[in-house]
Amino acid sequence: MNPSPVEPSAPRPPRRRVHTRARILSAAGELFLSAGYARTSIEDICAAAGYTRGAFYSNFATKEDLLLALFDEQAAERMTELEHLAAAAEQLGPEERARRLVEALLRVEAAETGWILLFLEFRLLAARTSELAERVAVHDRMVTAALAALLERVLPELVPPGASAEQAAEVILAAREGLLARTAAGGPTSEQLLNATTAVLAGLLG
């Protein structure tokens, strides 16, 4: 999710450094999506961004740090989209609103496919390394907390009686990731599975 706000007394990072970080993130994102995480080196990222390794290490300690920063950006954008969707669906009946919101949480747009494959690649890699596994777990907890806060604020109908918003968020995110893993290739079967998962979750949560 978004990083914590900078305290008013803390010095702001120089504009040039912010620009450098943004260019490195953008270049890395394109390379990761086209070649995958394992096949992209720090040297590749530096060359694509037009910076030295020194510029890279002044912004990120490791390639893993950079990728997790990209995942945080993606998660923050997704939460913003869901909040806007919830506001737009306020006039719907509770059952239809729940169905639409669950589908929005689960549906994979074409532009997201590369990010899905990238995240799955990194999760499988992290599963074999305890340090990386813990870092992914920290990211998961942050995304879960952010979604739980969103559910409490604007989507309370997706929190079943007797469950907490955090539990609902965990179930939704686990269902989404499982769905993504099985539907990354797209096609009619993917749409069928999305519809089935949406119907079941909307019934349970809504």
Protein backbone atom coordinates (compact mmCIF):
# COMPACT_ATOMS: atom_id res chain seq x y z
CA MET A 1 0.00 0.00 0.00
CA ASN A 2 0.99 3.63 0.04
CA PRO A 3 3.97 4.42 2.28
CA SER A 4 3.31 6.24 5.55
CA PRO A 5 3.04 10.01 5.14
CA VAL A 6 6.25 11.89 5.72
CA GLU A 7 6.22 13.77 9.02
CA PRO A 8 6.04 17.56 8.53
CA SER A 9 9.39 18.00 10.26
CA ALA A 10 11.13 15.42 8.08
CA PRO A 11 13.02 16.74 5.04
CA ARG A 12 11.42 15.91 1.71
CA PRO A 13 13.55 13.86 -0.70
CA PRO A 14 15.09 15.96 -3.48
CA ARG A 15 12.88 16.21 -6.56
CA ARG A 16 15.64 14.71 -8.69
CA ARG A 17 15.78 11.62 -6.48
CA VAL A 18 12.00 11.19 -6.68
CA HIS A 19 12.28 11.39 -10.47
CA THR A 20 15.13 8.87 -10.49
CA ARG A 21 13.16 6.43 -8.35
CA ALA A 22 10.10 6.77 -10.59
CA ARG A 23 12.15 6.09 -13.74
CA ILE A 24 13.77 3.03 -12.19
CA LEU A 25 10.38 1.69 -11.11
CA SER A 26 8.91 2.27 -14.55
CA ALA A 27 11.82 0.62 -16.38
CA ALA A 28 11.84 -2.32 -13.98
CA GLY A 29 8.09 -2.80 -14.35
CA GLU A 30 8.37 -3.05 -18.12
CA LEU A 31 11.26 -5.50 -17.93
CA PHE A 32 9.66 -7.67 -15.26
CA LEU A 33 6.44 -7.88 -17.26
CA SER A 34 8.16 -8.76 -20.52
CA ALA A 35 10.98 -11.06 -19.33
CA GLY A 36 9.92 -12.10 -15.83
CA TYR A 37 11.51 -11.44 -12.47
CA ALA A 38 14.23 -14.09 -12.48
CA ARG A 39 15.48 -13.21 -15.98
CA THR A 40 15.75 -9.47 -15.26
CA SER A 41 18.96 -8.29 -13.61
CA ILE A 42 19.76 -5.06 -11.81
CA GLU A 43 22.12 -4.26 -14.70
CA ASP A 44 19.21 -4.64 -17.14
CA ILE A 45 17.09 -2.28 -15.06
CA CYS A 46 19.85 0.33 -14.81
CA ALA A 47 20.49 0.21 -18.55
CA ALA A 48 16.78 0.56 -19.37
CA ALA A 49 16.38 3.47 -16.94
CA GLY A 50 19.60 5.17 -18.02
CA TYR A 51 21.22 5.14 -14.57
CA THR A 52 24.20 3.57 -12.86
CA ARG A 53 24.11 0.86 -10.21
CA GLY A 54 24.86 3.60 -7.70
CA ALA A 55 21.60 5.33 -8.59
CA PHE A 56 19.78 2.03 -8.17
CA TYR A 57 21.25 1.33 -4.74
CA SER A 58 20.56 4.85 -3.53
CA ASN A 59 16.85 4.07 -3.99
CA PHE A 60 16.54 0.31 -3.44
CA ALA A 61 18.59 -2.09 -1.35
CA THR A 62 17.80 -5.10 -3.54
CA LYS A 63 15.86 -6.19 -6.61
CA GLU A 64 13.31 -7.68 -4.21
CA ASP A 65 12.79 -4.25 -2.59
CA LEU A 66 12.07 -2.75 -6.00
CA LEU A 67 9.57 -5.44 -6.95
CA LEU A 68 7.72 -5.17 -3.63
CA ALA A 69 7.51 -1.39 -4.14
CA LEU A 70 5.88 -2.06 -7.52
CA PHE A 71 3.43 -4.47 -5.90
CA ASP A 72 2.58 -1.85 -3.28
CA GLU A 73 1.84 0.67 -6.03
CA GLN A 74 -0.43 -1.80 -7.82
CA ALA A 75 -2.31 -2.61 -4.62
CA ALA A 76 -2.84 1.08 -3.83
CA GLU A 77 -4.23 1.71 -7.31
CA ARG A 78 -6.57 -1.25 -6.97
CA MET A 79 -7.94 0.00 -3.63
CA THR A 80 -8.63 3.41 -5.15
CA GLU A 81 -10.52 1.81 -8.04
CA LEU A 82 -12.64 -0.24 -5.63
CA GLU A 83 -13.52 2.80 -3.56
CA HIS A 84 -14.70 4.64 -6.67
CA LEU A 85 -16.71 1.60 -7.74
CA ALA A 86 -18.35 1.32 -4.33
CA ALA A 87 -19.42 4.96 -4.53
CA ALA A 88 -20.84 4.44 -8.03
CA ALA A 89 -22.86 1.40 -6.91
CA GLU A 90 -24.52 3.09 -3.91
CA GLN A 91 -27.95 3.22 -5.57
CA LEU A 92 -28.12 -0.51 -6.29
CA GLY A 93 -30.01 -3.03 -4.20
CA PRO A 94 -27.90 -4.91 -1.63
CA GLU A 95 -27.77 -8.21 -3.54
CA GLU A 96 -26.83 -6.64 -6.89
CA ARG A 97 -24.35 -4.29 -5.20
CA ALA A 98 -22.67 -7.22 -3.44
CA ARG A 99 -22.48 -9.20 -6.70
CA ARG A 100 -20.95 -6.31 -8.63
CA LEU A 101 -18.43 -5.50 -5.93
CA VAL A 102 -17.32 -9.11 -5.53
CA GLU A 103 -16.94 -9.44 -9.30
CA ALA A 104 -14.87 -6.25 -9.37
CA LEU A 105 -12.63 -7.68 -6.66
CA LEU A 106 -12.12 -10.91 -8.58
CA ARG A 107 -12.18 -9.93 -12.26
CA VAL A 108 -8.85 -9.80 -14.09
CA GLU A 109 -8.52 -7.22 -16.83
CA ALA A 110 -6.22 -7.95 -19.77
CA ALA A 111 -3.74 -5.32 -18.62
CA GLU A 112 -3.38 -7.11 -15.27
CA THR A 113 -2.35 -10.49 -16.65
CA GLY A 114 1.36 -9.68 -16.71
CA TRP A 115 1.25 -8.47 -13.11
CA ILE A 116 -0.54 -11.64 -12.06
CA LEU A 117 2.11 -13.87 -13.62
CA LEU A 118 4.84 -11.73 -12.08
CA PHE A 119 3.32 -11.94 -8.61
CA LEU A 120 2.83 -15.69 -8.88
CA GLU A 121 6.44 -16.11 -10.05
CA PHE A 122 7.72 -14.12 -7.09
CA ARG A 123 5.47 -15.90 -4.58
CA LEU A 124 6.73 -19.30 -5.72
CA LEU A 125 10.32 -18.08 -5.53
CA ALA A 126 9.74 -16.63 -2.06
CA ALA A 127 8.23 -19.90 -0.84
CA ARG A 128 11.70 -21.47 -1.07
CA THR A 129 13.44 -18.70 0.91
CA SER A 130 12.37 -17.93 4.47
CA GLU A 131 13.49 -14.29 4.33
CA LEU A 132 11.60 -13.60 1.11
CA ALA A 133 8.59 -15.54 2.38
CA GLU A 134 8.39 -13.24 5.39
CA ARG A 135 8.64 -10.16 3.19
CA VAL A 136 5.79 -11.42 1.02
CA ALA A 137 3.83 -12.15 4.20
CA VAL A 138 4.37 -8.55 5.34
CA HIS A 139 3.09 -7.31 1.97
CA ASP A 140 0.07 -9.63 2.25
CA ARG A 141 -0.73 -8.30 5.72
CA MET A 142 -0.54 -4.71 4.50
CA VAL A 143 -2.87 -5.40 1.57
CA THR A 144 -5.27 -7.32 3.83
CA ALA A 145 -5.36 -4.46 6.33
CA ALA A 146 -5.99 -1.95 3.56
CA LEU A 147 -8.83 -4.01 2.09
CA ALA A 148 -10.32 -4.59 5.55
CA ALA A 149 -10.33 -0.83 6.17
CA LEU A 150 -12.02 -0.31 2.81
CA LEU A 151 -14.65 -2.94 3.60
CA GLU A 152 -15.42 -1.31 6.94
CA ARG A 153 -15.64 2.16 5.43
CA VAL A 154 -17.56 1.70 2.20
CA LEU A 155 -18.36 -2.02 1.71
CA PRO A 156 -19.78 -3.23 5.04
CA GLU A 157 -22.23 -5.54 3.26
CA LEU A 158 -19.29 -7.75 2.24
CA VAL A 159 -18.49 -8.54 5.88
CA PRO A 160 -20.70 -11.49 6.97
CA PRO A 161 -22.29 -11.47 10.44
CA GLY A 162 -19.96 -12.99 12.99
CA ALA A 163 -16.83 -12.30 10.90
CA SER A 164 -14.41 -9.41 11.04
CA ALA A 165 -13.56 -7.16 8.13
CA GLU A 166 -10.01 -8.55 8.21
CA GLN A 167 -11.32 -12.14 7.92
CA ALA A 168 -13.52 -11.14 4.98
CA ALA A 169 -10.54 -9.44 3.34
CA GLU A 170 -8.37 -12.54 3.79
CA VAL A 171 -11.00 -14.77 2.16
CA ILE A 172 -11.52 -12.38 -0.76
CA LEU A 173 -7.80 -12.00 -1.43
CA ALA A 174 -7.18 -15.75 -1.18
CA ALA A 175 -10.06 -16.43 -3.58
CA ARG A 176 -8.74 -13.78 -5.95
CA GLU A 177 -5.23 -15.20 -6.00
CA GLY A 178 -6.45 -18.75 -6.53
CA LEU A 179 -8.71 -17.54 -9.31
CA LEU A 180 -5.86 -15.63 -10.92
CA ALA A 181 -3.60 -18.67 -10.86
CA ARG A 182 -6.21 -20.76 -12.66
CA THR A 183 -7.37 -18.15 -15.17
CA ALA A 184 -4.15 -16.43 -16.24
CA ALA A 185 -4.44 -17.96 -19.71
CA GLY A 186 -7.95 -16.53 -20.20
CA GLY A 187 -10.64 -18.09 -22.38
CA PRO A 188 -14.22 -19.34 -21.81
CA THR A 189 -13.23 -21.57 -18.88
CA SER A 190 -11.80 -18.56 -17.08
CA GLU A 191 -15.05 -16.63 -17.47
CA GLN A 192 -17.04 -19.61 -16.23
CA LEU A 193 -14.86 -19.94 -13.13
CA LEU A 194 -15.10 -16.19 -12.47
CA ASN A 195 -18.89 -16.34 -12.66
CA ALA A 196 -19.04 -19.35 -10.34
CA THR A 197 -16.67 -17.80 -7.78
CA THR A 198 -18.53 -14.49 -7.91
CA ALA A 199 -21.89 -16.18 -7.34
CA VAL A 200 -20.63 -18.19 -4.35
CA LEU A 201 -18.71 -15.35 -2.68
CA ALA A 202 -21.45 -12.82 -3.28
CA GLY A 203 -23.91 -15.20 -1.66
CA LEU A 204 -21.64 -15.85 1.33
CA LEU A 205 -20.49 -12.27 1.84
CA GLY A 206 -23.52 -10.35 0.64
